[in-house]
């Protein structure tokens, strides 16, 4: 099996007009508005095995099963303050995304919200967009196939490295709770650093 090709943020960057249009849109936000990055990640009962011991010269054997319970973490991060909101859900359906939209509105009452996110099916579903409009939440689409621009995606990578990979939990719910605690236990500066916001190459650095 071939290893996936990895892209480094900044190498082969998406077309400048797409990023430029987003930056210009953010510069025109009304006073008091907030913008957040939003994304989801899967947690599975049997986590990724990235390292294992095996006798020298022998191929490591890893038992697998077709059953693998999962949970989904919805997350949003404020790139200005490092504040995070996380919600555990059983699936990645439009109803789950809509529950997260309601949570965001409850946590940030009375202020226009702008979400930077990808075009996952649960995001683009008609009912999700209608609910976002009613809640005064504006969905700003990131360039297609460029998850590197989403800081929540970088934060999830740190989560998988420290919580999920090579670690077996008694239940998937215990794993999900530990994952949520890890994300919420970071200081604002730690969250921003792990999300790549403090990098000199962060694509919104000039805006921040």
N, C-alpha and C. Protein backbone atom coordinates (compact mmCIF):
# COMPACT_ATOMS: atom_id res chain seq x y z
N UNK A 1 0.86 -1.19 0.00
CA UNK A 1 0.00 0.00 0.00
C UNK A 1 0.89 1.24 0.00
N UNK A 2 0.63 2.18 -0.91
CA UNK A 2 1.45 3.36 -0.99
C UNK A 2 1.05 4.36 0.08
N UNK A 3 2.05 5.05 0.62
CA UNK A 3 1.78 6.08 1.60
C UNK A 3 1.15 7.27 0.90
N UNK A 4 0.20 7.96 1.56
CA UNK A 4 -0.44 9.10 0.93
C UNK A 4 0.54 10.24 0.74
N UNK A 5 0.33 11.02 -0.31
CA UNK A 5 1.16 12.18 -0.56
C UNK A 5 0.78 13.28 0.39
N UNK A 6 1.77 13.83 1.08
CA UNK A 6 1.52 14.89 2.05
C UNK A 6 1.85 16.23 1.42
N UNK A 7 1.00 17.23 1.70
CA UNK A 7 1.25 18.57 1.22
C UNK A 7 1.55 19.47 2.41
N UNK A 8 2.55 20.28 2.27
CA UNK A 8 2.93 21.21 3.33
C UNK A 8 2.24 22.54 3.07
N UNK A 9 1.67 23.11 4.12
CA UNK A 9 1.00 24.38 3.96
C UNK A 9 1.95 25.41 3.37
N UNK A 10 1.55 26.01 2.27
CA UNK A 10 2.39 27.00 1.62
C UNK A 10 3.00 26.47 0.34
N UNK A 11 3.09 25.12 0.20
CA UNK A 11 3.63 24.54 -1.01
C UNK A 11 2.47 24.23 -1.95
N UNK A 12 2.53 24.78 -3.16
CA UNK A 12 1.44 24.56 -4.10
C UNK A 12 0.16 25.16 -3.56
N UNK A 13 0.22 26.40 -3.11
CA UNK A 13 -0.91 27.04 -2.45
C UNK A 13 -2.08 27.16 -3.42
N UNK A 14 -3.32 27.21 -2.90
CA UNK A 14 -4.49 27.36 -3.75
C UNK A 14 -4.47 28.70 -4.46
N UNK A 15 -5.26 28.87 -5.50
CA UNK A 15 -5.26 30.12 -6.24
C UNK A 15 -5.41 31.32 -5.34
N UNK A 16 -4.58 32.34 -5.54
CA UNK A 16 -4.59 33.52 -4.70
C UNK A 16 -5.95 34.22 -4.66
N UNK A 17 -6.69 34.30 -5.78
CA UNK A 17 -7.99 34.98 -5.71
C UNK A 17 -8.93 34.38 -4.70
N UNK A 18 -8.89 33.06 -4.51
CA UNK A 18 -9.80 32.44 -3.56
C UNK A 18 -9.46 32.85 -2.13
N UNK A 19 -8.17 32.80 -1.80
CA UNK A 19 -7.77 33.24 -0.47
C UNK A 19 -7.97 34.74 -0.31
N UNK A 20 -7.63 35.47 -1.35
CA UNK A 20 -7.78 36.92 -1.28
C UNK A 20 -9.21 37.34 -1.07
N UNK A 21 -10.14 36.64 -1.73
CA UNK A 21 -11.55 36.97 -1.57
C UNK A 21 -12.01 36.72 -0.14
N UNK A 22 -11.52 35.64 0.47
CA UNK A 22 -11.87 35.36 1.85
C UNK A 22 -11.35 36.45 2.78
N UNK A 23 -10.10 36.84 2.58
CA UNK A 23 -9.51 37.87 3.43
C UNK A 23 -10.29 39.18 3.29
N UNK A 24 -10.63 39.53 2.06
CA UNK A 24 -11.40 40.77 1.85
C UNK A 24 -12.76 40.68 2.52
N UNK A 25 -13.38 39.50 2.47
CA UNK A 25 -14.69 39.33 3.12
C UNK A 25 -14.55 39.49 4.62
N UNK A 26 -13.49 38.94 5.20
CA UNK A 26 -13.30 39.05 6.63
C UNK A 26 -13.02 40.49 7.06
N UNK A 27 -12.34 41.23 6.20
CA UNK A 27 -12.06 42.63 6.53
C UNK A 27 -13.32 43.48 6.54
N UNK A 28 -14.37 43.00 5.90
CA UNK A 28 -15.62 43.76 5.84
C UNK A 28 -16.65 43.29 6.87
N UNK A 29 -16.24 42.49 7.82
CA UNK A 29 -17.19 42.01 8.83
C UNK A 29 -17.75 43.18 9.62
N UNK A 30 -19.03 43.11 9.97
CA UNK A 30 -19.62 44.19 10.77
C UNK A 30 -19.01 44.24 12.16
N UNK A 31 -19.11 45.37 12.78
CA UNK A 31 -18.55 45.55 14.12
C UNK A 31 -19.21 44.57 15.10
N UNK A 32 -18.39 43.93 15.91
CA UNK A 32 -18.91 42.98 16.89
C UNK A 32 -19.04 41.56 16.37
N UNK A 33 -18.81 41.36 15.07
CA UNK A 33 -18.93 40.00 14.51
C UNK A 33 -17.72 39.16 14.90
N UNK A 34 -17.93 37.85 14.93
CA UNK A 34 -16.87 36.89 15.22
C UNK A 34 -16.69 35.97 14.03
N UNK A 35 -15.45 35.55 13.78
CA UNK A 35 -15.26 34.50 12.78
C UNK A 35 -14.50 33.35 13.41
N UNK A 36 -14.94 32.15 13.08
CA UNK A 36 -14.41 30.92 13.66
C UNK A 36 -14.08 29.93 12.55
N UNK A 37 -13.09 29.10 12.80
CA UNK A 37 -12.84 27.96 11.93
C UNK A 37 -13.61 26.77 12.49
N UNK A 38 -14.24 25.98 11.60
CA UNK A 38 -15.03 24.83 12.03
C UNK A 38 -14.60 23.58 11.27
N UNK A 39 -14.58 22.46 11.97
CA UNK A 39 -14.24 21.19 11.32
C UNK A 39 -14.66 20.05 12.23
N UNK A 40 -14.61 18.83 11.69
CA UNK A 40 -14.95 17.64 12.46
C UNK A 40 -13.84 16.61 12.32
N UNK A 41 -13.80 15.68 13.27
CA UNK A 41 -12.88 14.56 13.18
C UNK A 41 -13.54 13.32 13.74
N UNK A 42 -13.14 12.15 13.21
CA UNK A 42 -13.67 10.87 13.67
C UNK A 42 -12.75 10.28 14.73
N UNK A 43 -13.34 9.67 15.72
CA UNK A 43 -12.62 8.88 16.71
C UNK A 43 -13.18 7.47 16.66
N UNK A 44 -12.31 6.47 16.61
CA UNK A 44 -12.75 5.09 16.46
C UNK A 44 -12.30 4.23 17.63
N UNK A 45 -13.12 3.23 17.93
CA UNK A 45 -12.84 2.34 19.05
C UNK A 45 -11.46 1.70 18.91
N UNK A 46 -11.13 1.28 17.68
CA UNK A 46 -9.81 0.72 17.43
C UNK A 46 -9.01 1.78 16.69
N UNK A 47 -8.14 2.49 17.39
CA UNK A 47 -7.47 3.66 16.82
C UNK A 47 -6.37 3.29 15.84
N UNK A 48 -5.86 4.29 15.11
CA UNK A 48 -4.74 4.03 14.19
C UNK A 48 -3.52 3.51 14.94
N UNK A 49 -2.88 2.49 14.39
CA UNK A 49 -1.65 1.94 14.97
C UNK A 49 -0.48 2.48 14.16
N UNK A 50 0.24 3.44 14.73
CA UNK A 50 1.33 4.08 14.01
C UNK A 50 2.70 3.51 14.38
N UNK A 51 2.75 2.70 15.43
CA UNK A 51 4.01 2.08 15.83
C UNK A 51 3.70 0.82 16.61
N UNK A 52 4.53 -0.21 16.46
CA UNK A 52 4.33 -1.47 17.16
C UNK A 52 5.64 -2.24 17.21
N UNK A 53 5.80 -3.06 18.25
CA UNK A 53 6.98 -3.91 18.38
C UNK A 53 6.77 -5.21 17.61
N UNK A 54 7.85 -5.72 17.03
CA UNK A 54 7.81 -7.01 16.33
C UNK A 54 9.21 -7.59 16.35
N UNK A 55 9.34 -8.93 16.34
CA UNK A 55 10.67 -9.55 16.28
C UNK A 55 11.44 -9.07 15.07
N UNK A 56 12.73 -8.85 15.23
CA UNK A 56 13.56 -8.36 14.14
C UNK A 56 13.50 -9.32 12.95
N UNK A 57 13.25 -8.76 11.79
CA UNK A 57 13.19 -9.55 10.57
C UNK A 57 11.83 -10.13 10.27
N UNK A 58 10.85 -9.92 11.16
CA UNK A 58 9.50 -10.45 10.94
C UNK A 58 8.52 -9.31 10.74
N UNK A 59 7.51 -9.57 9.93
CA UNK A 59 6.45 -8.60 9.70
C UNK A 59 5.52 -8.54 10.90
N UNK A 60 5.26 -7.35 11.41
CA UNK A 60 4.35 -7.21 12.54
C UNK A 60 2.95 -7.64 12.13
N UNK A 61 2.26 -8.35 13.01
CA UNK A 61 0.90 -8.80 12.75
C UNK A 61 -0.07 -8.01 13.63
N UNK A 62 -1.04 -7.42 12.97
CA UNK A 62 -2.01 -6.58 13.68
C UNK A 62 -3.40 -7.13 13.44
N UNK A 63 -4.07 -7.67 14.46
CA UNK A 63 -5.43 -8.18 14.28
C UNK A 63 -6.40 -7.04 14.02
N UNK A 64 -7.34 -7.26 13.13
CA UNK A 64 -8.34 -6.25 12.83
C UNK A 64 -9.73 -6.87 12.90
N UNK A 65 -10.73 -6.03 12.98
CA UNK A 65 -12.11 -6.48 13.01
C UNK A 65 -12.94 -5.55 12.15
N UNK A 66 -14.01 -6.08 11.59
CA UNK A 66 -14.88 -5.24 10.77
C UNK A 66 -15.73 -4.29 11.59
N UNK A 67 -15.82 -4.52 12.90
CA UNK A 67 -16.61 -3.66 13.76
C UNK A 67 -15.71 -2.61 14.39
N UNK A 68 -16.10 -1.37 14.27
CA UNK A 68 -15.30 -0.28 14.81
C UNK A 68 -16.20 0.88 15.17
N UNK A 69 -16.63 0.92 16.43
CA UNK A 69 -17.52 2.00 16.87
C UNK A 69 -16.81 3.33 16.70
N UNK A 70 -17.59 4.37 16.45
CA UNK A 70 -16.99 5.69 16.23
C UNK A 70 -17.81 6.78 16.89
N UNK A 71 -17.13 7.89 17.10
CA UNK A 71 -17.75 9.13 17.55
C UNK A 71 -17.18 10.26 16.69
N UNK A 72 -17.91 11.33 16.60
CA UNK A 72 -17.48 12.48 15.83
C UNK A 72 -17.35 13.67 16.77
N UNK A 73 -16.24 14.37 16.67
CA UNK A 73 -16.05 15.61 17.40
C UNK A 73 -16.23 16.78 16.44
N UNK A 74 -17.16 17.65 16.74
CA UNK A 74 -17.31 18.92 16.03
C UNK A 74 -16.53 19.96 16.82
N UNK A 75 -15.78 20.78 16.13
CA UNK A 75 -14.99 21.78 16.84
C UNK A 75 -14.94 23.10 16.11
N UNK A 76 -14.82 24.17 16.88
CA UNK A 76 -14.66 25.51 16.32
C UNK A 76 -13.61 26.25 17.13
N UNK A 77 -12.81 27.06 16.46
CA UNK A 77 -11.74 27.79 17.13
C UNK A 77 -11.73 29.23 16.66
N UNK A 78 -11.60 30.13 17.61
CA UNK A 78 -11.47 31.55 17.31
C UNK A 78 -9.99 31.86 17.13
N UNK A 79 -9.54 32.21 15.92
CA UNK A 79 -8.11 32.42 15.68
C UNK A 79 -7.57 33.69 16.32
N UNK A 80 -8.43 34.53 16.83
CA UNK A 80 -7.99 35.75 17.50
C UNK A 80 -7.73 35.53 18.99
N UNK A 81 -8.53 34.67 19.61
CA UNK A 81 -8.45 34.49 21.06
C UNK A 81 -8.03 33.09 21.48
N UNK A 82 -8.15 32.09 20.58
CA UNK A 82 -7.85 30.72 20.95
C UNK A 82 -9.00 30.02 21.65
N UNK A 83 -10.14 30.67 21.76
CA UNK A 83 -11.30 30.04 22.42
C UNK A 83 -11.84 28.92 21.54
N UNK A 84 -12.20 27.79 22.17
CA UNK A 84 -12.68 26.62 21.45
C UNK A 84 -14.04 26.17 21.96
N UNK A 85 -14.79 25.56 21.06
CA UNK A 85 -16.04 24.89 21.42
C UNK A 85 -16.03 23.52 20.76
N UNK A 86 -16.37 22.49 21.53
CA UNK A 86 -16.34 21.11 21.03
C UNK A 86 -17.66 20.44 21.37
N UNK A 87 -18.15 19.62 20.46
CA UNK A 87 -19.38 18.86 20.68
C UNK A 87 -19.19 17.43 20.20
N UNK A 88 -19.53 16.47 21.05
CA UNK A 88 -19.47 15.06 20.68
C UNK A 88 -20.81 14.66 20.05
N UNK A 89 -20.74 13.92 18.94
CA UNK A 89 -21.94 13.42 18.28
C UNK A 89 -21.69 12.00 17.78
N UNK A 90 -22.75 11.21 17.62
CA UNK A 90 -22.56 9.82 17.18
C UNK A 90 -22.27 9.69 15.69
N UNK A 91 -22.71 10.65 14.88
CA UNK A 91 -22.55 10.55 13.43
C UNK A 91 -22.19 11.91 12.85
N UNK A 92 -21.86 11.90 11.56
CA UNK A 92 -21.56 13.13 10.83
C UNK A 92 -22.67 13.35 9.81
N UNK A 93 -23.83 13.71 10.31
CA UNK A 93 -24.98 13.98 9.46
C UNK A 93 -25.40 15.43 9.62
N UNK A 94 -26.30 15.85 8.75
CA UNK A 94 -26.69 17.25 8.82
C UNK A 94 -27.34 17.59 10.16
N UNK A 95 -28.05 16.63 10.77
CA UNK A 95 -28.67 16.88 12.07
C UNK A 95 -27.60 17.14 13.15
N UNK A 96 -26.46 16.46 13.02
CA UNK A 96 -25.38 16.66 13.98
C UNK A 96 -24.74 18.04 13.79
N UNK A 97 -24.52 18.43 12.55
CA UNK A 97 -23.98 19.75 12.29
C UNK A 97 -24.95 20.84 12.75
N UNK A 98 -26.22 20.61 12.55
CA UNK A 98 -27.21 21.59 12.99
C UNK A 98 -27.23 21.72 14.51
N UNK A 99 -27.00 20.62 15.22
CA UNK A 99 -26.89 20.70 16.68
C UNK A 99 -25.69 21.55 17.08
N UNK A 100 -24.61 21.45 16.31
CA UNK A 100 -23.43 22.25 16.62
C UNK A 100 -23.70 23.73 16.33
N UNK A 101 -24.42 24.01 15.26
CA UNK A 101 -24.78 25.40 14.98
C UNK A 101 -25.58 26.01 16.13
N UNK A 102 -26.50 25.24 16.67
CA UNK A 102 -27.29 25.74 17.80
C UNK A 102 -26.41 25.98 19.02
N UNK A 103 -25.45 25.09 19.23
CA UNK A 103 -24.53 25.26 20.36
C UNK A 103 -23.70 26.53 20.18
N UNK A 104 -23.20 26.76 18.98
CA UNK A 104 -22.42 27.97 18.73
C UNK A 104 -23.24 29.22 18.99
N UNK A 105 -24.48 29.22 18.54
CA UNK A 105 -25.32 30.38 18.78
C UNK A 105 -25.57 30.59 20.28
N UNK A 106 -25.74 29.49 21.02
CA UNK A 106 -25.98 29.61 22.46
C UNK A 106 -24.74 30.13 23.18
N UNK A 107 -23.55 29.74 22.71
CA UNK A 107 -22.31 30.18 23.36
C UNK A 107 -21.94 31.61 22.98
N UNK A 108 -22.37 32.05 21.79
CA UNK A 108 -22.07 33.41 21.33
C UNK A 108 -23.38 34.13 21.02
N UNK A 109 -24.16 34.46 22.05
CA UNK A 109 -25.47 35.08 21.79
C UNK A 109 -25.34 36.53 21.32
N UNK A 110 -26.23 36.90 20.41
CA UNK A 110 -26.36 38.29 20.02
C UNK A 110 -25.28 38.84 19.12
N UNK A 111 -24.39 38.00 18.59
CA UNK A 111 -23.33 38.49 17.72
C UNK A 111 -23.35 37.73 16.41
N UNK A 112 -23.18 38.41 15.29
CA UNK A 112 -23.09 37.70 14.01
C UNK A 112 -21.88 36.77 14.02
N UNK A 113 -22.08 35.55 13.53
CA UNK A 113 -21.01 34.57 13.48
C UNK A 113 -20.68 34.23 12.03
N UNK A 114 -19.40 34.12 11.75
CA UNK A 114 -18.93 33.73 10.42
C UNK A 114 -18.07 32.49 10.59
N UNK A 115 -18.48 31.39 9.94
CA UNK A 115 -17.76 30.13 10.03
C UNK A 115 -16.98 29.87 8.76
N UNK A 116 -15.68 29.60 8.90
CA UNK A 116 -14.87 29.16 7.77
C UNK A 116 -14.82 27.65 7.83
N UNK A 117 -15.29 26.98 6.77
CA UNK A 117 -15.42 25.53 6.79
C UNK A 117 -15.41 24.98 5.38
N UNK A 118 -15.33 23.65 5.29
CA UNK A 118 -15.31 23.01 3.97
C UNK A 118 -16.74 22.70 3.52
N UNK A 119 -16.84 22.14 2.31
CA UNK A 119 -18.16 21.85 1.74
C UNK A 119 -18.56 20.40 1.96
N UNK A 120 -18.43 19.93 3.18
CA UNK A 120 -18.94 18.59 3.51
C UNK A 120 -20.45 18.58 3.32
N UNK A 121 -20.99 17.39 3.05
CA UNK A 121 -22.41 17.28 2.77
C UNK A 121 -23.30 17.81 3.88
N UNK A 122 -22.88 17.58 5.14
CA UNK A 122 -23.71 18.05 6.26
C UNK A 122 -23.69 19.57 6.35
N UNK A 123 -22.64 20.21 5.81
CA UNK A 123 -22.56 21.67 5.83
C UNK A 123 -23.41 22.29 4.73
N UNK A 124 -23.38 21.68 3.55
CA UNK A 124 -24.07 22.26 2.40
C UNK A 124 -25.53 21.86 2.31
N UNK A 125 -25.99 20.95 3.17
CA UNK A 125 -27.39 20.52 3.14
C UNK A 125 -28.31 21.73 3.27
N UNK A 126 -29.39 21.71 2.55
CA UNK A 126 -30.31 22.85 2.51
C UNK A 126 -30.78 23.23 3.91
N UNK A 127 -31.18 22.23 4.71
CA UNK A 127 -31.68 22.54 6.05
C UNK A 127 -30.59 23.14 6.94
N UNK A 128 -29.36 22.70 6.75
CA UNK A 128 -28.26 23.27 7.52
C UNK A 128 -28.07 24.74 7.17
N UNK A 129 -28.13 25.05 5.87
CA UNK A 129 -27.95 26.43 5.46
C UNK A 129 -29.13 27.30 5.89
N UNK A 130 -30.32 26.74 5.86
CA UNK A 130 -31.49 27.50 6.31
C UNK A 130 -31.40 27.79 7.80
N UNK A 131 -30.97 26.79 8.58
CA UNK A 131 -30.82 27.01 10.02
C UNK A 131 -29.74 28.05 10.29
N UNK A 132 -28.63 27.97 9.59
CA UNK A 132 -27.57 28.95 9.78
C UNK A 132 -28.08 30.36 9.51
N UNK A 133 -28.89 30.53 8.47
CA UNK A 133 -29.45 31.85 8.17
C UNK A 133 -30.33 32.34 9.31
N UNK A 134 -31.18 31.45 9.84
CA UNK A 134 -32.07 31.85 10.94
C UNK A 134 -31.27 32.23 12.19
N UNK A 135 -30.13 31.57 12.39
CA UNK A 135 -29.32 31.82 13.58
C UNK A 135 -28.33 32.96 13.38
N UNK A 136 -28.36 33.60 12.22
CA UNK A 136 -27.41 34.66 11.88
C UNK A 136 -25.98 34.14 11.93
N UNK A 137 -25.79 32.95 11.33
CA UNK A 137 -24.47 32.35 11.19
C UNK A 137 -24.17 32.28 9.70
N UNK A 138 -23.08 32.90 9.28
CA UNK A 138 -22.73 32.98 7.87
C UNK A 138 -21.65 31.95 7.57
N UNK A 139 -21.87 31.13 6.55
CA UNK A 139 -20.95 30.06 6.19
C UNK A 139 -20.04 30.53 5.07
N UNK A 140 -18.73 30.55 5.35
CA UNK A 140 -17.74 30.97 4.36
C UNK A 140 -16.95 29.73 3.95
N UNK A 141 -17.00 29.42 2.65
CA UNK A 141 -16.41 28.16 2.17
C UNK A 141 -14.92 28.32 1.89
N UNK A 142 -14.14 27.41 2.44
CA UNK A 142 -12.72 27.34 2.15
C UNK A 142 -12.50 26.72 0.77
N UNK A 143 -11.38 27.02 0.12
CA UNK A 143 -11.10 26.42 -1.20
C UNK A 143 -11.17 24.90 -1.14
N UNK A 144 -11.74 24.30 -2.15
CA UNK A 144 -11.94 22.86 -2.19
C UNK A 144 -10.62 22.11 -2.12
N UNK A 145 -10.62 21.04 -1.32
CA UNK A 145 -9.48 20.13 -1.18
C UNK A 145 -8.25 20.80 -0.56
N UNK A 146 -8.47 21.86 0.21
CA UNK A 146 -7.35 22.50 0.88
C UNK A 146 -7.64 22.58 2.37
N UNK A 147 -7.70 21.39 3.00
CA UNK A 147 -7.94 21.32 4.44
C UNK A 147 -6.82 21.98 5.22
N UNK A 148 -5.63 22.15 4.59
CA UNK A 148 -4.50 22.78 5.26
C UNK A 148 -4.81 24.21 5.69
N UNK A 149 -5.80 24.83 5.06
CA UNK A 149 -6.16 26.20 5.41
C UNK A 149 -7.04 26.26 6.65
N UNK A 150 -7.56 25.13 7.07
CA UNK A 150 -8.46 25.10 8.22
C UNK A 150 -7.66 24.79 9.49
N UNK A 151 -7.59 25.74 10.40
CA UNK A 151 -6.76 25.55 11.60
C UNK A 151 -7.28 24.44 12.49
N UNK A 152 -8.58 24.16 12.43
CA UNK A 152 -9.11 23.06 13.23
C UNK A 152 -8.55 21.73 12.75
N UNK A 153 -8.27 21.62 11.47
CA UNK A 153 -7.68 20.39 10.94
C UNK A 153 -6.30 20.16 11.55
N UNK A 154 -5.53 21.21 11.75
CA UNK A 154 -4.22 21.08 12.38
C UNK A 154 -4.36 20.72 13.85
N UNK A 155 -5.36 21.28 14.50
CA UNK A 155 -5.57 20.96 15.91
C UNK A 155 -5.98 19.50 16.08
N UNK A 156 -6.78 18.99 15.15
CA UNK A 156 -7.16 17.57 15.20
C UNK A 156 -5.94 16.67 15.07
N UNK A 157 -4.97 17.07 14.27
CA UNK A 157 -3.77 16.25 14.11
C UNK A 157 -3.04 16.10 15.44
N UNK A 158 -2.93 17.19 16.18
CA UNK A 158 -2.31 17.12 17.49
C UNK A 158 -3.10 16.24 18.42
N UNK A 159 -4.42 16.31 18.33
CA UNK A 159 -5.28 15.47 19.14
C UNK A 159 -5.05 14.00 18.85
N UNK A 160 -5.02 13.64 17.57
CA UNK A 160 -4.83 12.23 17.20
C UNK A 160 -3.47 11.72 17.69
N UNK A 161 -2.47 12.56 17.61
CA UNK A 161 -1.13 12.15 18.03
C UNK A 161 -1.06 11.90 19.54
N UNK A 162 -1.70 12.74 20.33
CA UNK A 162 -1.58 12.65 21.77
C UNK A 162 -2.64 11.79 22.44
N UNK A 163 -3.77 11.59 21.77
CA UNK A 163 -4.89 10.89 22.42
C UNK A 163 -5.25 9.59 21.73
N UNK A 164 -5.41 9.63 20.41
CA UNK A 164 -6.03 8.50 19.72
C UNK A 164 -5.03 7.44 19.27
N UNK A 165 -3.95 7.83 18.62
CA UNK A 165 -3.07 6.86 18.00
C UNK A 165 -2.38 5.96 19.03
N UNK A 166 -2.34 4.66 18.72
CA UNK A 166 -1.63 3.66 19.53
C UNK A 166 -2.17 3.52 20.94
N UNK A 167 -3.39 3.97 21.17
CA UNK A 167 -3.94 3.90 22.52
C UNK A 167 -5.35 3.32 22.47
N UNK A 168 -5.55 2.23 23.21
CA UNK A 168 -6.84 1.56 23.21
C UNK A 168 -7.62 1.94 24.46
N UNK A 169 -8.82 2.48 24.27
CA UNK A 169 -9.68 2.84 25.39
C UNK A 169 -10.70 1.74 25.63
N UNK A 170 -11.22 1.65 26.86
CA UNK A 170 -12.22 0.61 27.13
C UNK A 170 -13.49 0.79 26.32
N UNK A 171 -13.85 2.04 26.03
CA UNK A 171 -15.04 2.33 25.22
C UNK A 171 -14.74 3.53 24.33
N UNK A 172 -15.48 3.65 23.25
CA UNK A 172 -15.30 4.79 22.36
C UNK A 172 -15.77 6.07 23.04
N UNK A 173 -16.72 5.96 23.97
CA UNK A 173 -17.18 7.15 24.69
C UNK A 173 -16.09 7.68 25.61
N UNK A 174 -15.33 6.77 26.23
CA UNK A 174 -14.21 7.21 27.07
C UNK A 174 -13.16 7.91 26.23
N UNK A 175 -12.92 7.40 25.04
CA UNK A 175 -11.95 8.03 24.15
C UNK A 175 -12.42 9.41 23.73
N UNK A 176 -13.70 9.52 23.38
CA UNK A 176 -14.24 10.80 22.95
C UNK A 176 -14.15 11.84 24.06
N UNK A 177 -14.43 11.42 25.29
CA UNK A 177 -14.37 12.36 26.40
C UNK A 177 -12.94 12.80 26.67
N UNK A 178 -11.99 11.86 26.56
CA UNK A 178 -10.59 12.20 26.76
C UNK A 178 -10.13 13.16 25.66
N UNK A 179 -10.61 12.94 24.44
CA UNK A 179 -10.25 13.81 23.33
C UNK A 179 -10.81 15.22 23.55
N UNK A 180 -12.05 15.31 23.97
CA UNK A 180 -12.63 16.63 24.24
C UNK A 180 -11.88 17.33 25.36
N UNK A 181 -11.54 16.59 26.41
CA UNK A 181 -10.80 17.17 27.53
C UNK A 181 -9.44 17.68 27.08
N UNK A 182 -8.80 16.96 26.15
CA UNK A 182 -7.49 17.40 25.66
C UNK A 182 -7.60 18.73 24.92
N UNK A 183 -8.59 18.82 24.04
CA UNK A 183 -8.76 20.05 23.27
C UNK A 183 -9.09 21.23 24.19
N UNK A 184 -10.02 21.01 25.11
CA UNK A 184 -10.46 22.09 25.97
C UNK A 184 -9.46 22.40 27.08
N UNK A 185 -8.55 21.48 27.35
CA UNK A 185 -7.56 21.69 28.40
C UNK A 185 -6.36 22.51 27.96
N UNK A 186 -6.22 22.75 26.68
CA UNK A 186 -5.13 23.59 26.18
C UNK A 186 -5.35 25.04 26.58
N UNK A 187 -4.27 25.74 26.85
CA UNK A 187 -4.39 27.18 27.04
C UNK A 187 -4.68 27.81 25.68
N UNK A 188 -5.22 29.03 25.66
CA UNK A 188 -5.47 29.67 24.36
C UNK A 188 -4.21 29.73 23.49
N UNK A 189 -3.06 30.05 24.08
CA UNK A 189 -1.84 30.13 23.29
C UNK A 189 -1.42 28.76 22.78
N UNK A 190 -1.56 27.72 23.60
CA UNK A 190 -1.23 26.38 23.15
C UNK A 190 -2.13 25.98 21.97
N UNK A 191 -3.41 26.29 22.08
CA UNK A 191 -4.35 25.94 21.01
C UNK A 191 -3.97 26.66 19.71
N UNK A 192 -3.63 27.93 19.80
CA UNK A 192 -3.28 28.69 18.61
C UNK A 192 -1.98 28.17 18.00
N UNK A 193 -1.03 27.79 18.86
CA UNK A 193 0.23 27.28 18.34
C UNK A 193 0.04 25.95 17.64
N UNK A 194 -0.68 25.03 18.28
CA UNK A 194 -0.89 23.71 17.69
C UNK A 194 -1.75 23.81 16.43
N UNK A 195 -2.60 24.81 16.35
CA UNK A 195 -3.45 24.99 15.17
C UNK A 195 -2.72 25.69 14.03
N UNK A 196 -1.51 26.17 14.29
CA UNK A 196 -0.73 26.83 13.24
C UNK A 196 -0.99 28.30 13.08
N UNK A 197 -1.83 28.88 13.94
CA UNK A 197 -2.18 30.29 13.80
C UNK A 197 -0.98 31.19 14.09
N UNK A 198 -0.08 30.77 14.97
CA UNK A 198 1.06 31.60 15.34
C UNK A 198 2.23 31.47 14.37
N UNK A 199 2.09 30.60 13.39
CA UNK A 199 3.16 30.41 12.41
C UNK A 199 3.32 31.66 11.53
N UNK A 200 4.54 31.96 11.16
CA UNK A 200 4.79 33.08 10.26
C UNK A 200 4.18 32.84 8.88
N UNK A 201 3.89 31.59 8.58
CA UNK A 201 3.34 31.24 7.27
C UNK A 201 1.82 31.08 7.30
N UNK A 202 1.20 31.40 8.42
CA UNK A 202 -0.25 31.28 8.50
C UNK A 202 -0.89 32.20 7.47
N UNK A 203 -1.82 31.67 6.71
CA UNK A 203 -2.33 32.40 5.54
C UNK A 203 -3.16 33.62 5.90
N UNK A 204 -3.63 33.74 7.15
CA UNK A 204 -4.36 34.93 7.58
C UNK A 204 -3.52 35.79 8.53
N UNK A 205 -2.23 35.57 8.55
CA UNK A 205 -1.37 36.29 9.50
C UNK A 205 -1.48 37.81 9.32
N UNK A 206 -1.50 38.30 8.09
CA UNK A 206 -1.59 39.73 7.85
C UNK A 206 -2.91 40.30 8.34
N UNK A 207 -3.96 39.48 8.29
CA UNK A 207 -5.28 39.95 8.74
C UNK A 207 -5.33 40.02 10.26
N UNK A 208 -4.73 39.01 10.93
CA UNK A 208 -4.77 38.98 12.38
C UNK A 208 -3.89 40.06 12.97
